[in-house]
């Protein structure tokens, strides 16, 4: 598997996990962070290569700073190896 695709899947899975922990729908999160709901959905599925700025907007809306989010993605990646 292409490692770049794998990281996109891990980022998306982490966003989905955090969103569900906050009991937010995709529509609610997209409204808060200013990202289209369909685009957010494709990010969560690991289908989109999201920009750093957009990723920061999403993580901020989830109450995480970027570094703690990146550490969570890394931890999730190590769990699935």
N, C-alpha and C. Protein backbone atom coordinates (compact mmCIF):
# COMPACT_ATOMS: atom_id res chain seq x y z
N UNK A 1 0.84 -1.19 0.00
CA UNK A 1 0.00 0.00 0.00
C UNK A 1 0.88 1.25 0.00
N UNK A 2 0.48 2.24 -0.74
CA UNK A 2 1.19 3.51 -0.80
C UNK A 2 1.16 4.18 0.57
N UNK A 3 2.33 4.50 1.17
CA UNK A 3 2.34 5.10 2.51
C UNK A 3 1.61 6.44 2.58
N UNK A 4 1.60 7.19 1.48
CA UNK A 4 0.88 8.47 1.48
C UNK A 4 -0.62 8.25 1.62
N UNK A 5 -1.16 7.23 0.96
CA UNK A 5 -2.58 6.91 1.09
C UNK A 5 -2.88 6.45 2.51
N UNK A 6 -1.98 5.67 3.07
CA UNK A 6 -2.17 5.17 4.41
C UNK A 6 -2.27 6.33 5.40
N UNK A 7 -1.43 7.33 5.29
CA UNK A 7 -1.47 8.46 6.23
C UNK A 7 -2.76 9.25 6.04
N UNK A 8 -3.24 9.36 4.81
CA UNK A 8 -4.50 10.06 4.58
C UNK A 8 -5.65 9.32 5.26
N UNK A 9 -5.61 8.00 5.22
CA UNK A 9 -6.63 7.21 5.90
C UNK A 9 -6.54 7.38 7.41
N UNK A 10 -5.32 7.43 7.94
CA UNK A 10 -5.13 7.60 9.39
C UNK A 10 -5.58 9.00 9.84
N UNK A 11 -5.28 10.01 9.05
CA UNK A 11 -5.74 11.37 9.37
C UNK A 11 -7.26 11.40 9.39
N UNK A 12 -7.86 10.84 8.36
CA UNK A 12 -9.32 10.83 8.27
C UNK A 12 -9.97 10.06 9.41
N UNK A 13 -9.40 8.91 9.75
CA UNK A 13 -9.94 8.11 10.84
C UNK A 13 -9.82 8.84 12.17
N UNK A 14 -8.75 9.57 12.36
CA UNK A 14 -8.56 10.32 13.60
C UNK A 14 -9.54 11.47 13.68
N UNK A 15 -9.76 12.16 12.57
CA UNK A 15 -10.76 13.23 12.55
C UNK A 15 -12.14 12.67 12.88
N UNK A 16 -12.50 11.57 12.25
CA UNK A 16 -13.80 10.94 12.51
C UNK A 16 -13.94 10.55 13.99
N UNK A 17 -12.90 9.93 14.53
CA UNK A 17 -12.91 9.51 15.94
C UNK A 17 -13.12 10.71 16.86
N UNK A 18 -12.38 11.78 16.64
CA UNK A 18 -12.51 12.97 17.49
C UNK A 18 -13.87 13.63 17.33
N UNK A 19 -14.37 13.66 16.09
CA UNK A 19 -15.69 14.25 15.83
C UNK A 19 -16.77 13.48 16.58
N UNK A 20 -16.70 12.16 16.51
CA UNK A 20 -17.70 11.34 17.20
C UNK A 20 -17.58 11.45 18.71
N UNK A 21 -16.37 11.58 19.22
CA UNK A 21 -16.18 11.77 20.66
C UNK A 21 -16.84 13.07 21.13
N UNK A 22 -16.83 14.08 20.25
CA UNK A 22 -17.46 15.37 20.56
C UNK A 22 -18.95 15.35 20.26
N UNK A 23 -19.43 14.20 19.75
CA UNK A 23 -20.85 14.03 19.39
C UNK A 23 -21.30 15.08 18.37
N UNK A 24 -20.44 15.31 17.38
CA UNK A 24 -20.75 16.24 16.30
C UNK A 24 -21.07 15.47 15.02
N UNK A 25 -22.01 15.98 14.26
CA UNK A 25 -22.24 15.44 12.93
C UNK A 25 -21.22 16.07 11.98
N UNK A 26 -21.09 15.50 10.80
CA UNK A 26 -20.21 16.11 9.81
C UNK A 26 -20.69 17.52 9.47
N UNK A 27 -22.00 17.70 9.39
CA UNK A 27 -22.55 19.02 9.08
C UNK A 27 -22.20 20.03 10.16
N UNK A 28 -22.29 19.61 11.42
CA UNK A 28 -21.96 20.54 12.51
C UNK A 28 -20.48 20.91 12.51
N UNK A 29 -19.62 19.92 12.34
CA UNK A 29 -18.18 20.20 12.30
C UNK A 29 -17.83 21.06 11.10
N UNK A 30 -18.40 20.75 9.96
CA UNK A 30 -18.08 21.54 8.76
C UNK A 30 -18.51 22.98 8.92
N UNK A 31 -19.62 23.20 9.59
CA UNK A 31 -20.09 24.56 9.84
C UNK A 31 -19.13 25.32 10.75
N UNK A 32 -18.62 24.66 11.78
CA UNK A 32 -17.72 25.29 12.73
C UNK A 32 -16.36 25.61 12.09
N UNK A 33 -15.84 24.68 11.28
CA UNK A 33 -14.50 24.88 10.74
C UNK A 33 -14.49 25.53 9.36
N UNK A 34 -15.66 25.69 8.74
CA UNK A 34 -15.71 26.37 7.45
C UNK A 34 -15.31 25.51 6.27
N UNK A 35 -15.45 24.20 6.41
CA UNK A 35 -15.12 23.25 5.35
C UNK A 35 -16.42 22.62 4.87
N UNK A 36 -16.57 22.49 3.57
CA UNK A 36 -17.77 21.88 3.01
C UNK A 36 -17.97 20.47 3.57
N UNK A 37 -19.20 20.11 3.88
CA UNK A 37 -19.50 18.81 4.49
C UNK A 37 -19.05 17.65 3.61
N UNK A 38 -19.27 17.75 2.31
CA UNK A 38 -18.86 16.67 1.41
C UNK A 38 -17.34 16.54 1.36
N UNK A 39 -16.65 17.67 1.42
CA UNK A 39 -15.19 17.65 1.45
C UNK A 39 -14.71 17.02 2.76
N UNK A 40 -15.33 17.38 3.87
CA UNK A 40 -14.99 16.79 5.17
C UNK A 40 -15.21 15.28 5.14
N UNK A 41 -16.30 14.85 4.55
CA UNK A 41 -16.58 13.43 4.43
C UNK A 41 -15.48 12.71 3.65
N UNK A 42 -15.04 13.31 2.56
CA UNK A 42 -13.99 12.67 1.76
C UNK A 42 -12.65 12.67 2.50
N UNK A 43 -12.42 13.67 3.34
CA UNK A 43 -11.21 13.69 4.18
C UNK A 43 -11.27 12.53 5.17
N UNK A 44 -12.42 12.37 5.82
CA UNK A 44 -12.58 11.30 6.80
C UNK A 44 -12.40 9.91 6.17
N UNK A 45 -12.73 9.78 4.91
CA UNK A 45 -12.57 8.49 4.21
C UNK A 45 -11.15 8.30 3.67
N UNK A 46 -10.29 9.32 3.84
CA UNK A 46 -8.92 9.22 3.36
C UNK A 46 -8.77 9.40 1.88
N UNK A 47 -9.76 10.04 1.25
CA UNK A 47 -9.76 10.21 -0.20
C UNK A 47 -9.15 11.54 -0.65
N UNK A 48 -8.96 12.46 0.27
CA UNK A 48 -8.46 13.79 -0.09
C UNK A 48 -7.16 14.10 0.61
N UNK A 49 -6.27 14.73 -0.11
CA UNK A 49 -5.03 15.23 0.46
C UNK A 49 -5.31 16.64 0.97
N UNK A 50 -5.52 16.77 2.25
CA UNK A 50 -5.97 18.02 2.85
C UNK A 50 -4.78 18.94 3.10
N UNK A 51 -4.98 20.24 2.87
CA UNK A 51 -3.90 21.21 3.11
C UNK A 51 -3.68 21.38 4.61
N UNK A 52 -2.51 21.86 4.95
CA UNK A 52 -2.17 22.09 6.36
C UNK A 52 -3.11 23.13 6.98
N UNK A 53 -3.45 24.15 6.23
CA UNK A 53 -4.35 25.19 6.74
C UNK A 53 -5.72 24.60 7.04
N UNK A 54 -6.25 23.81 6.13
CA UNK A 54 -7.56 23.18 6.35
C UNK A 54 -7.50 22.21 7.52
N UNK A 55 -6.43 21.45 7.61
CA UNK A 55 -6.28 20.51 8.71
C UNK A 55 -6.24 21.26 10.05
N UNK A 56 -5.56 22.38 10.10
CA UNK A 56 -5.52 23.20 11.32
C UNK A 56 -6.91 23.74 11.67
N UNK A 57 -7.68 24.14 10.66
CA UNK A 57 -9.05 24.61 10.91
C UNK A 57 -9.90 23.49 11.52
N UNK A 58 -9.77 22.30 10.99
CA UNK A 58 -10.54 21.16 11.48
C UNK A 58 -10.12 20.80 12.89
N UNK A 59 -8.81 20.68 13.12
CA UNK A 59 -8.35 20.29 14.45
C UNK A 59 -8.71 21.33 15.49
N UNK A 60 -8.63 22.60 15.12
CA UNK A 60 -9.03 23.68 16.05
C UNK A 60 -10.51 23.55 16.40
N UNK A 61 -11.33 23.27 15.40
CA UNK A 61 -12.78 23.11 15.65
C UNK A 61 -13.06 21.90 16.54
N UNK A 62 -12.15 20.93 16.54
CA UNK A 62 -12.30 19.76 17.39
C UNK A 62 -11.67 19.95 18.77
N UNK A 63 -11.14 21.15 19.00
CA UNK A 63 -10.56 21.46 20.30
C UNK A 63 -9.15 20.93 20.49
N UNK A 64 -8.46 20.65 19.40
CA UNK A 64 -7.08 20.14 19.46
C UNK A 64 -6.14 21.12 18.79
N UNK A 65 -4.93 21.22 19.32
CA UNK A 65 -3.91 21.95 18.57
C UNK A 65 -3.30 20.96 17.59
N UNK A 66 -2.64 21.49 16.57
CA UNK A 66 -2.15 20.64 15.50
C UNK A 66 -1.18 19.58 15.99
N UNK A 67 -0.27 19.94 16.90
CA UNK A 67 0.73 18.98 17.35
C UNK A 67 0.11 17.81 18.12
N UNK A 68 -0.87 18.09 18.97
CA UNK A 68 -1.51 16.98 19.69
C UNK A 68 -2.30 16.11 18.72
N UNK A 69 -2.90 16.72 17.70
CA UNK A 69 -3.59 15.94 16.68
C UNK A 69 -2.60 15.06 15.92
N UNK A 70 -1.46 15.63 15.53
CA UNK A 70 -0.44 14.85 14.81
C UNK A 70 0.06 13.68 15.65
N UNK A 71 0.22 13.90 16.94
CA UNK A 71 0.65 12.81 17.83
C UNK A 71 -0.41 11.72 17.91
N UNK A 72 -1.67 12.11 17.89
CA UNK A 72 -2.75 11.12 17.92
C UNK A 72 -2.78 10.31 16.63
N UNK A 73 -2.57 10.97 15.50
CA UNK A 73 -2.50 10.26 14.21
C UNK A 73 -1.33 9.28 14.24
N UNK A 74 -0.19 9.73 14.77
CA UNK A 74 0.99 8.86 14.85
C UNK A 74 0.70 7.65 15.74
N UNK A 75 0.07 7.88 16.88
CA UNK A 75 -0.27 6.77 17.79
C UNK A 75 -1.21 5.79 17.11
N UNK A 76 -2.21 6.31 16.40
CA UNK A 76 -3.15 5.44 15.68
C UNK A 76 -2.45 4.66 14.58
N UNK A 77 -1.47 5.27 13.93
CA UNK A 77 -0.72 4.60 12.87
C UNK A 77 0.08 3.45 13.45
N UNK A 78 0.73 3.69 14.59
CA UNK A 78 1.53 2.64 15.21
C UNK A 78 0.66 1.48 15.69
N UNK A 79 -0.57 1.77 16.11
CA UNK A 79 -1.47 0.71 16.54
C UNK A 79 -1.86 -0.21 15.39
N UNK A 80 -1.90 0.33 14.17
CA UNK A 80 -2.38 -0.42 13.02
C UNK A 80 -1.26 -1.02 12.18
N UNK A 81 -0.04 -0.97 12.66
CA UNK A 81 1.07 -1.53 11.89
C UNK A 81 1.32 -2.96 12.27
